[in-house]
Amino acid sequence: MDIDKTWLTKAIAIPELEKQLGFKFDALKNIGASSNRWLEVWSKFAKLHQAADELWLYAKPQPEESLEREEGVVLLRKGKIVSHVTTV
């Protein structure tokens, strides 16, 4: 799924993300294959992260009457979306 840059809502620092995840972001980079889908998705995302990259929260706009929503975290490198993780 493509994420539109207009969906980006707020830059998020790694310490703030770690509070939400309940896990150290750098520790995710050291996880190999896992049967835990959550760990595997976040590990792949964390391994792509480079020092100058930015992390942003995103929310896909939905009609008010819609029960479906999509939110997550985007990895932004030099203004381009490199990867994302859907959280909702």
PDB file of N, CA and C in Angstrom:
ATOM      1  N   MET A   1       0.834  -1.178   0.000  1.00  0.00           N
ATOM      2  CA  MET A   1       0.000   0.000   0.000  1.00  0.00           C
ATOM      3  C   MET A   1       0.878   1.239   0.000  1.00  0.00           C
ATOM      4  N   ASP A   2       0.524   2.188  -0.821  1.00  0.00           N
ATOM      5  CA  ASP A   2       1.244   3.455  -0.874  1.00  0.00           C
ATOM      6  C   ASP A   2       0.686   4.413   0.157  1.00  0.00           C
ATOM      7  N   ILE A   3       1.581   5.123   0.796  1.00  0.00           N
ATOM      8  CA  ILE A   3       1.210   6.132   1.778  1.00  0.00           C
ATOM      9  C   ILE A   3       1.408   7.491   1.118  1.00  0.00           C
ATOM     10  N   ASP A   4       0.413   8.343   1.214  1.00  0.00           N
ATOM     11  CA  ASP A   4       0.493   9.687   0.668  1.00  0.00           C
ATOM     12  C   ASP A   4       1.135  10.586   1.721  1.00  0.00           C
ATOM     13  N   LYS A   5       2.082  11.426   1.319  1.00  0.00           N
ATOM     14  CA  LYS A   5       2.770  12.292   2.288  1.00  0.00           C
ATOM     15  C   LYS A   5       1.804  13.265   2.967  1.00  0.00           C
ATOM     16  N   THR A   6       0.654  13.521   2.369  1.00  0.00           N
ATOM     17  CA  THR A   6      -0.322  14.414   3.011  1.00  0.00           C
ATOM     18  C   THR A   6      -0.952  13.751   4.236  1.00  0.00           C
ATOM     19  N   TRP A   7      -0.767  12.443   4.401  1.00  0.00           N
ATOM     20  CA  TRP A   7      -1.318  11.725   5.549  1.00  0.00           C
ATOM     21  C   TRP A   7      -0.434  11.864   6.791  1.00  0.00           C
ATOM     22  N   LEU A   8       0.791  12.367   6.624  1.00  0.00           N
ATOM     23  CA  LEU A   8       1.705  12.492   7.752  1.00  0.00           C
ATOM     24  C   LEU A   8       1.158  13.515   8.737  1.00  0.00           C
ATOM     25  N   THR A   9       1.103  13.126  10.000  1.00  0.00           N
ATOM     26  CA  THR A   9       0.467  13.977  10.998  1.00  0.00           C
ATOM     27  C   THR A   9       1.440  14.584  12.005  1.00  0.00           C
ATOM     28  N   LYS A  10       2.494  13.854  12.351  1.00  0.00           N
ATOM     29  CA  LYS A  10       3.380  14.343  13.406  1.00  0.00           C
ATOM     30  C   LYS A  10       4.695  13.576  13.380  1.00  0.00           C
ATOM     31  N   ALA A  11       5.804  14.318  13.450  1.00  0.00           N
ATOM     32  CA  ALA A  11       7.104  13.667  13.599  1.00  0.00           C
ATOM     33  C   ALA A  11       7.155  13.041  14.988  1.00  0.00           C
ATOM     34  N   ILE A  12       7.790  11.890  15.068  1.00  0.00           N
ATOM     35  CA  ILE A  12       7.891  11.210  16.356  1.00  0.00           C
ATOM     36  C   ILE A  12       9.352  10.810  16.586  1.00  0.00           C
ATOM     37  N   ALA A  13       9.852  11.139  17.765  1.00  0.00           N
ATOM     38  CA  ALA A  13      11.221  10.787  18.131  1.00  0.00           C
ATOM     39  C   ALA A  13      11.262   9.328  18.586  1.00  0.00           C
ATOM     40  N   ILE A  14      12.416   8.723  18.443  1.00  0.00           N
ATOM     41  CA  ILE A  14      12.560   7.313  18.820  1.00  0.00           C
ATOM     42  C   ILE A  14      12.179   7.063  20.282  1.00  0.00           C
ATOM     43  N   PRO A  15      12.606   7.907  21.244  1.00  0.00           N
ATOM     44  CA  PRO A  15      12.194   7.635  22.639  1.00  0.00           C
ATOM     45  C   PRO A  15      10.674   7.625  22.828  1.00  0.00           C
ATOM     46  N   GLU A  16       9.977   8.504  22.131  1.00  0.00           N
ATOM     47  CA  GLU A  16       8.516   8.528  22.217  1.00  0.00           C
ATOM     48  C   GLU A  16       7.912   7.269  21.594  1.00  0.00           C
ATOM     49  N   LEU A  17       8.468   6.853  20.462  1.00  0.00           N
ATOM     50  CA  LEU A  17       8.000   5.625  19.809  1.00  0.00           C
ATOM     51  C   LEU A  17       8.247   4.421  20.708  1.00  0.00           C
ATOM     52  N   GLU A  18       9.406   4.390  21.370  1.00  0.00           N
ATOM     53  CA  GLU A  18       9.727   3.276  22.264  1.00  0.00           C
ATOM     54  C   GLU A  18       8.733   3.186  23.415  1.00  0.00           C
ATOM     55  N   LYS A  19       8.288   4.321  23.927  1.00  0.00           N
ATOM     56  CA  LYS A  19       7.272   4.304  24.986  1.00  0.00           C
ATOM     57  C   LYS A  19       5.987   3.667  24.485  1.00  0.00           C
ATOM     58  N   GLN A  20       5.611   4.002  23.256  1.00  0.00           N
ATOM     59  CA  GLN A  20       4.383   3.449  22.691  1.00  0.00           C
ATOM     60  C   GLN A  20       4.526   1.960  22.382  1.00  0.00           C
ATOM     61  N   LEU A  21       5.699   1.573  21.905  1.00  0.00           N
ATOM     62  CA  LEU A  21       5.933   0.164  21.559  1.00  0.00           C
ATOM     63  C   LEU A  21       6.168  -0.700  22.789  1.00  0.00           C
ATOM     64  N   GLY A  22       6.769  -0.110  23.802  1.00  0.00           N
ATOM     65  CA  GLY A  22       7.177  -0.890  24.963  1.00  0.00           C
ATOM     66  C   GLY A  22       8.398  -1.732  24.661  1.00  0.00           C
ATOM     67  N   PHE A  23       9.216  -1.265  23.721  1.00  0.00           N
ATOM     68  CA  PHE A  23      10.374  -2.017  23.263  1.00  0.00           C
ATOM     69  C   PHE A  23      11.415  -1.035  22.751  1.00  0.00           C
ATOM     70  N   LYS A  24      12.689  -1.330  22.942  1.00  0.00           N
ATOM     71  CA  LYS A  24      13.764  -0.482  22.436  1.00  0.00           C
ATOM     72  C   LYS A  24      13.877  -0.635  20.921  1.00  0.00           C
ATOM     73  N   PHE A  25      13.842   0.479  20.205  1.00  0.00           N
ATOM     74  CA  PHE A  25      13.870   0.480  18.748  1.00  0.00           C
ATOM     75  C   PHE A  25      15.140  -0.183  18.217  1.00  0.00           C
ATOM     76  N   ASP A  26      16.301   0.167  18.783  1.00  0.00           N
ATOM     77  CA  ASP A  26      17.554  -0.429  18.308  1.00  0.00           C
ATOM     78  C   ASP A  26      17.604  -1.930  18.558  1.00  0.00           C
ATOM     79  N   ALA A  27      16.966  -2.398  19.616  1.00  0.00           N
ATOM     80  CA  ALA A  27      16.932  -3.836  19.903  1.00  0.00           C
ATOM     81  C   ALA A  27      16.172  -4.590  18.804  1.00  0.00           C
ATOM     82  N   LEU A  28      15.214  -3.916  18.192  1.00  0.00           N
ATOM     83  CA  LEU A  28      14.453  -4.556  17.105  1.00  0.00           C
ATOM     84  C   LEU A  28      15.346  -4.883  15.921  1.00  0.00           C
ATOM     85  N   LYS A  29      16.425  -4.108  15.746  1.00  0.00           N
ATOM     86  CA  LYS A  29      17.337  -4.330  14.616  1.00  0.00           C
ATOM     87  C   LYS A  29      18.098  -5.641  14.750  1.00  0.00           C
ATOM     88  N   ASN A  30      18.182  -6.178  15.957  1.00  0.00           N
ATOM     89  CA  ASN A  30      18.962  -7.396  16.212  1.00  0.00           C
ATOM     90  C   ASN A  30      18.123  -8.663  16.203  1.00  0.00           C
ATOM     91  N   ILE A  31      16.849  -8.536  15.920  1.00  0.00           N
ATOM     92  CA  ILE A  31      15.966  -9.707  15.922  1.00  0.00           C
ATOM     93  C   ILE A  31      15.989 -10.363  14.548  1.00  0.00           C
ATOM     94  N   GLY A  32      16.193 -11.658  14.537  1.00  0.00           N
ATOM     95  CA  GLY A  32      16.179 -12.408  13.288  1.00  0.00           C
ATOM     96  C   GLY A  32      14.762 -12.839  12.960  1.00  0.00           C
ATOM     97  N   ALA A  33      14.642 -13.915  12.226  1.00  0.00           N
ATOM     98  CA  ALA A  33      13.327 -14.456  11.885  1.00  0.00           C
ATOM     99  C   ALA A  33      12.578 -14.797  13.168  1.00  0.00           C
ATOM    100  N   SER A  34      11.291 -14.515  13.156  1.00  0.00           N
ATOM    101  CA  SER A  34      10.491 -14.753  14.349  1.00  0.00           C
ATOM    102  C   SER A  34       9.121 -15.274  13.942  1.00  0.00           C
ATOM    103  N   SER A  35       8.535 -16.076  14.807  1.00  0.00           N
ATOM    104  CA  SER A  35       7.167 -16.538  14.557  1.00  0.00           C
ATOM    105  C   SER A  35       6.168 -15.479  15.036  1.00  0.00           C
ATOM    106  N   ASN A  36       6.673 -14.451  15.722  1.00  0.00           N
ATOM    107  CA  ASN A  36       5.834 -13.364  16.189  1.00  0.00           C
ATOM    108  C   ASN A  36       5.754 -12.313  15.083  1.00  0.00           C
ATOM    109  N   ARG A  37       4.599 -12.217  14.444  1.00  0.00           N
ATOM    110  CA  ARG A  37       4.438 -11.303  13.303  1.00  0.00           C
ATOM    111  C   ARG A  37       4.744  -9.867  13.685  1.00  0.00           C
ATOM    112  N   TRP A  38       4.300  -9.431  14.869  1.00  0.00           N
ATOM    113  CA  TRP A  38       4.532  -8.057  15.324  1.00  0.00           C
ATOM    114  C   TRP A  38       6.035  -7.772  15.362  1.00  0.00           C
ATOM    115  N   LEU A  39       6.800  -8.667  15.984  1.00  0.00           N
ATOM    116  CA  LEU A  39       8.250  -8.484  16.075  1.00  0.00           C
ATOM    117  C   LEU A  39       8.909  -8.479  14.701  1.00  0.00           C
ATOM    118  N   GLU A  40       8.462  -9.361  13.836  1.00  0.00           N
ATOM    119  CA  GLU A  40       9.060  -9.454  12.508  1.00  0.00           C
ATOM    120  C   GLU A  40       8.823  -8.188  11.692  1.00  0.00           C
ATOM    121  N   VAL A  41       7.604  -7.651  11.723  1.00  0.00           N
ATOM    122  CA  VAL A  41       7.271  -6.438  10.979  1.00  0.00           C
ATOM    123  C   VAL A  41       8.086  -5.258  11.503  1.00  0.00           C
ATOM    124  N   TRP A  42       8.107  -5.085  12.827  1.00  0.00           N
ATOM    125  CA  TRP A  42       8.847  -3.971  13.406  1.00  0.00           C
ATOM    126  C   TRP A  42      10.350  -4.141  13.221  1.00  0.00           C
ATOM    127  N   SER A  43      10.850  -5.359  13.260  1.00  0.00           N
ATOM    128  CA  SER A  43      12.268  -5.607  13.064  1.00  0.00           C
ATOM    129  C   SER A  43      12.695  -5.199  11.654  1.00  0.00           C
ATOM    130  N   LYS A  44      11.927  -5.593  10.651  1.00  0.00           N
ATOM    131  CA  LYS A  44      12.236  -5.214   9.263  1.00  0.00           C
ATOM    132  C   LYS A  44      12.229  -3.694   9.112  1.00  0.00           C
ATOM    133  N   PHE A  45      11.265  -3.044   9.740  1.00  0.00           N
ATOM    134  CA  PHE A  45      11.153  -1.588   9.688  1.00  0.00           C
ATOM    135  C   PHE A  45      12.374  -0.948  10.355  1.00  0.00           C
ATOM    136  N   ALA A  46      12.733  -1.403  11.545  1.00  0.00           N
ATOM    137  CA  ALA A  46      13.856  -0.838  12.298  1.00  0.00           C
ATOM    138  C   ALA A  46      15.181  -1.025  11.565  1.00  0.00           C
ATOM    139  N   LYS A  47      15.348  -2.164  10.900  1.00  0.00           N
ATOM    140  CA  LYS A  47      16.595  -2.433  10.188  1.00  0.00           C
ATOM    141  C   LYS A  47      16.802  -1.471   9.023  1.00  0.00           C
ATOM    142  N   LEU A  48      15.731  -0.902   8.486  1.00  0.00           N
ATOM    143  CA  LEU A  48      15.845   0.064   7.397  1.00  0.00           C
ATOM    144  C   LEU A  48      16.251   1.450   7.899  1.00  0.00           C
ATOM    145  N   HIS A  49      16.046   1.709   9.175  1.00  0.00           N
ATOM    146  CA  HIS A  49      16.290   3.037   9.746  1.00  0.00           C
ATOM    147  C   HIS A  49      17.769   3.402   9.727  1.00  0.00           C
ATOM    148  N   GLN A  50      18.054   4.616   9.235  1.00  0.00           N
ATOM    149  CA  GLN A  50      19.406   5.163   9.238  1.00  0.00           C
ATOM    150  C   GLN A  50      19.412   6.427  10.093  1.00  0.00           C
ATOM    151  N   ALA A  51      20.598   6.848  10.509  1.00  0.00           N
ATOM    152  CA  ALA A  51      20.736   7.950  11.469  1.00  0.00           C
ATOM    153  C   ALA A  51      19.991   9.226  11.062  1.00  0.00           C
ATOM    154  N   ALA A  52      20.012   9.619   9.822  1.00  0.00           N
ATOM    155  CA  ALA A  52      19.389  10.883   9.400  1.00  0.00           C
ATOM    156  C   ALA A  52      17.894  10.751   9.062  1.00  0.00           C
ATOM    157  N   ASP A  53      17.355   9.542   9.133  1.00  0.00           N
ATOM    158  CA  ASP A  53      15.943   9.327   8.800  1.00  0.00           C
ATOM    159  C   ASP A  53      15.019   9.947   9.834  1.00  0.00           C
ATOM    160  N   GLU A  54      13.812  10.244   9.399  1.00  0.00           N
ATOM    161  CA  GLU A  54      12.774  10.763  10.289  1.00  0.00           C
ATOM    162  C   GLU A  54      11.670   9.723  10.430  1.00  0.00           C
ATOM    163  N   LEU A  55      11.050   9.693  11.591  1.00  0.00           N
ATOM    164  CA  LEU A  55       9.881   8.853  11.821  1.00  0.00           C
ATOM    165  C   LEU A  55       8.677   9.771  11.964  1.00  0.00           C
ATOM    166  N   TRP A  56       7.606   9.433  11.281  1.00  0.00           N
ATOM    167  CA  TRP A  56       6.380  10.226  11.314  1.00  0.00           C
ATOM    168  C   TRP A  56       5.185   9.328  11.559  1.00  0.00           C
ATOM    169  N   LEU A  57       4.224   9.822  12.297  1.00  0.00           N
ATOM    170  CA  LEU A  57       2.929   9.153  12.414  1.00  0.00           C
ATOM    171  C   LEU A  57       2.117   9.531  11.190  1.00  0.00           C
ATOM    172  N   TYR A  58       1.261   8.616  10.759  1.00  0.00           N
ATOM    173  CA  TYR A  58       0.363   8.937   9.652  1.00  0.00           C
ATOM    174  C   TYR A  58      -1.036   8.450   9.965  1.00  0.00           C
ATOM    175  N   ALA A  59      -1.994   9.069   9.317  1.00  0.00           N
ATOM    176  CA  ALA A  59      -3.396   8.656   9.422  1.00  0.00           C
ATOM    177  C   ALA A  59      -4.041   8.853   8.054  1.00  0.00           C
ATOM    178  N   LYS A  60      -4.559   7.770   7.514  1.00  0.00           N
ATOM    179  CA  LYS A  60      -5.244   7.834   6.226  1.00  0.00           C
ATOM    180  C   LYS A  60      -6.616   8.476   6.433  1.00  0.00           C
ATOM    181  N   PRO A  61      -6.930   9.515   5.651  1.00  0.00           N
ATOM    182  CA  PRO A  61      -8.240  10.151   5.795  1.00  0.00           C
ATOM    183  C   PRO A  61      -9.366   9.180   5.437  1.00  0.00           C
ATOM    184  N   GLN A  62     -10.415   9.209   6.226  1.00  0.00           N
ATOM    185  CA  GLN A  62     -11.582   8.354   5.999  1.00  0.00           C
ATOM    186  C   GLN A  62     -12.840   9.195   6.128  1.00  0.00           C
ATOM    187  N   PRO A  63     -13.888   8.828   5.393  1.00  0.00           N
ATOM    188  CA  PRO A  63     -15.164   9.512   5.606  1.00  0.00           C
ATOM    189  C   PRO A  63     -15.614   9.309   7.058  1.00  0.00           C
ATOM    190  N   GLU A  64     -16.269  10.301   7.618  1.00  0.00           N
ATOM    191  CA  GLU A  64     -16.685  10.217   9.024  1.00  0.00           C
ATOM    192  C   GLU A  64     -17.541   9.000   9.326  1.00  0.00           C
ATOM    193  N   GLU A  65     -18.361   8.580   8.389  1.00  0.00           N
ATOM    194  CA  GLU A  65     -19.254   7.447   8.632  1.00  0.00           C
ATOM    195  C   GLU A  65     -18.545   6.095   8.514  1.00  0.00           C
ATOM    196  N   SER A  66     -17.311   6.106   8.060  1.00  0.00           N
ATOM    197  CA  SER A  66     -16.561   4.866   7.884  1.00  0.00           C
ATOM    198  C   SER A  66     -16.029   4.357   9.221  1.00  0.00           C
ATOM    199  N   LEU A  67     -16.123   3.052   9.427  1.00  0.00           N
ATOM    200  CA  LEU A  67     -15.573   2.425  10.628  1.00  0.00           C
ATOM    201  C   LEU A  67     -14.126   1.990  10.409  1.00  0.00           C
ATOM    202  N   GLU A  68     -13.722   1.963   9.141  1.00  0.00           N
ATOM    203  CA  GLU A  68     -12.351   1.563   8.824  1.00  0.00           C
ATOM    204  C   GLU A  68     -11.429   2.764   8.975  1.00  0.00           C
ATOM    205  N   ARG A  69     -10.263   2.513   9.544  1.00  0.00           N
ATOM    206  CA  ARG A  69      -9.261   3.560   9.597  1.00  0.00           C
ATOM    207  C   ARG A  69      -7.891   2.922   9.499  1.00  0.00           C
ATOM    208  N   GLU A  70      -6.936   3.714   9.097  1.00  0.00           N
ATOM    209  CA  GLU A  70      -5.569   3.216   9.008  1.00  0.00           C
ATOM    210  C   GLU A  70      -4.639   4.275   9.577  1.00  0.00           C
ATOM    211  N   GLU A  71      -3.794   3.843  10.483  1.00  0.00           N
ATOM    212  CA  GLU A  71      -2.786   4.712  11.082  1.00  0.00           C
ATOM    213  C   GLU A  71      -1.514   3.916  11.224  1.00  0.00           C
ATOM    214  N   GLY A  72      -0.400   4.621  11.350  1.00  0.00           N
ATOM    215  CA  GLY A  72       0.853   3.914  11.527  1.00  0.00           C
ATOM    216  C   GLY A  72       2.034   4.844  11.634  1.00  0.00           C
ATOM    217  N   VAL A  73       3.202   4.280  11.343  1.00  0.00           N
ATOM    218  CA  VAL A  73       4.464   5.005  11.423  1.00  0.00           C
ATOM    219  C   VAL A  73       5.170   4.882  10.078  1.00  0.00           C
ATOM    220  N   VAL A  74       5.724   6.000   9.628  1.00  0.00           N
ATOM    221  CA  VAL A  74       6.421   6.072   8.344  1.00  0.00           C
ATOM    222  C   VAL A  74       7.896   6.364   8.586  1.00  0.00           C
ATOM    223  N   LEU A  75       8.743   5.751   7.782  1.00  0.00           N
ATOM    224  CA  LEU A  75      10.167   6.040   7.771  1.00  0.00           C
ATOM    225  C   LEU A  75      10.432   6.959   6.581  1.00  0.00           C
ATOM    226  N   LEU A  76      10.867   8.169   6.878  1.00  0.00           N
ATOM    227  CA  LEU A  76      11.080   9.193   5.855  1.00  0.00           C
ATOM    228  C   LEU A  76      12.577   9.441   5.709  1.00  0.00           C
ATOM    229  N   ARG A  77      13.082   9.311   4.480  1.00  0.00           N
ATOM    230  CA  ARG A  77      14.509   9.535   4.202  1.00  0.00           C
ATOM    231  C   ARG A  77      14.630  10.569   3.090  1.00  0.00           C
ATOM    232  N   LYS A  78      15.256  11.687   3.429  1.00  0.00           N
ATOM    233  CA  LYS A  78      15.444  12.781   2.460  1.00  0.00           C
ATOM    234  C   LYS A  78      14.120  13.161   1.797  1.00  0.00           C
ATOM    235  N   GLY A  79      13.052  13.190   2.591  1.00  0.00           N
ATOM    236  CA  GLY A  79      11.746  13.604   2.097  1.00  0.00           C
ATOM    237  C   GLY A  79      10.958  12.518   1.375  1.00  0.00           C
ATOM    238  N   LYS A  80      11.505  11.327   1.276  1.00  0.00           N
ATOM    239  CA  LYS A  80      10.805  10.224   0.585  1.00  0.00           C
ATOM    240  C   LYS A  80      10.435   9.133   1.581  1.00  0.00           C
ATOM    241  N   ILE A  81       9.250   8.577   1.402  1.00  0.00           N
ATOM    242  CA  ILE A  81       8.797   7.475   2.252  1.00  0.00           C
ATOM    243  C   ILE A  81       9.522   6.197   1.835  1.00  0.00           C
ATOM    244  N   VAL A  82      10.239   5.619   2.780  1.00  0.00           N
ATOM    245  CA  VAL A  82      11.015   4.401   2.535  1.00  0.00           C
ATOM    246  C   VAL A  82      10.223   3.172   2.931  1.00  0.00           C
ATOM    247  N   SER A  83       9.515   3.275   4.070  1.00  0.00           N
ATOM    248  CA  SER A  83       8.767   2.134   4.582  1.00  0.00           C
ATOM    249  C   SER A  83       7.705   2.654   5.554  1.00  0.00           C
ATOM    250  N   HIS A  84       6.798   1.758   5.911  1.00  0.00           N
ATOM    251  CA  HIS A  84       5.787   2.106   6.920  1.00  0.00           C
ATOM    252  C   HIS A  84       5.333   0.854   7.645  1.00  0.00           C
ATOM    253  N   VAL A  85       4.791   1.075   8.833  1.00  0.00           N
ATOM    254  CA  VAL A  85       4.177   0.015   9.614  1.00  0.00           C
ATOM    255  C   VAL A  85       2.785   0.482   9.964  1.00  0.00           C
ATOM    256  N   THR A  86       1.789  -0.317   9.647  1.00  0.00           N
ATOM    257  CA  THR A  86       0.410  -0.001  10.007  1.00  0.00           C
ATOM    258  C   THR A  86       0.161  -0.475  11.421  1.00  0.00           C
ATOM    259  N   THR A  87      -0.351   0.433  12.262  1.00  0.00           N
ATOM    260  CA  THR A  87      -0.600   0.082  13.662  1.00  0.00           C
ATOM    261  C   THR A  87      -2.084  -0.042  13.969  1.00  0.00           C
ATOM    262  N   VAL A  88      -2.932   0.626  13.196  1.00  0.00           N
ATOM    263  CA  VAL A  88      -4.393   0.553  13.391  1.00  0.00           C
ATOM    264  C   VAL A  88      -5.029   0.303  12.049  1.00  0.00           C
TER     265      VAL A  88
END
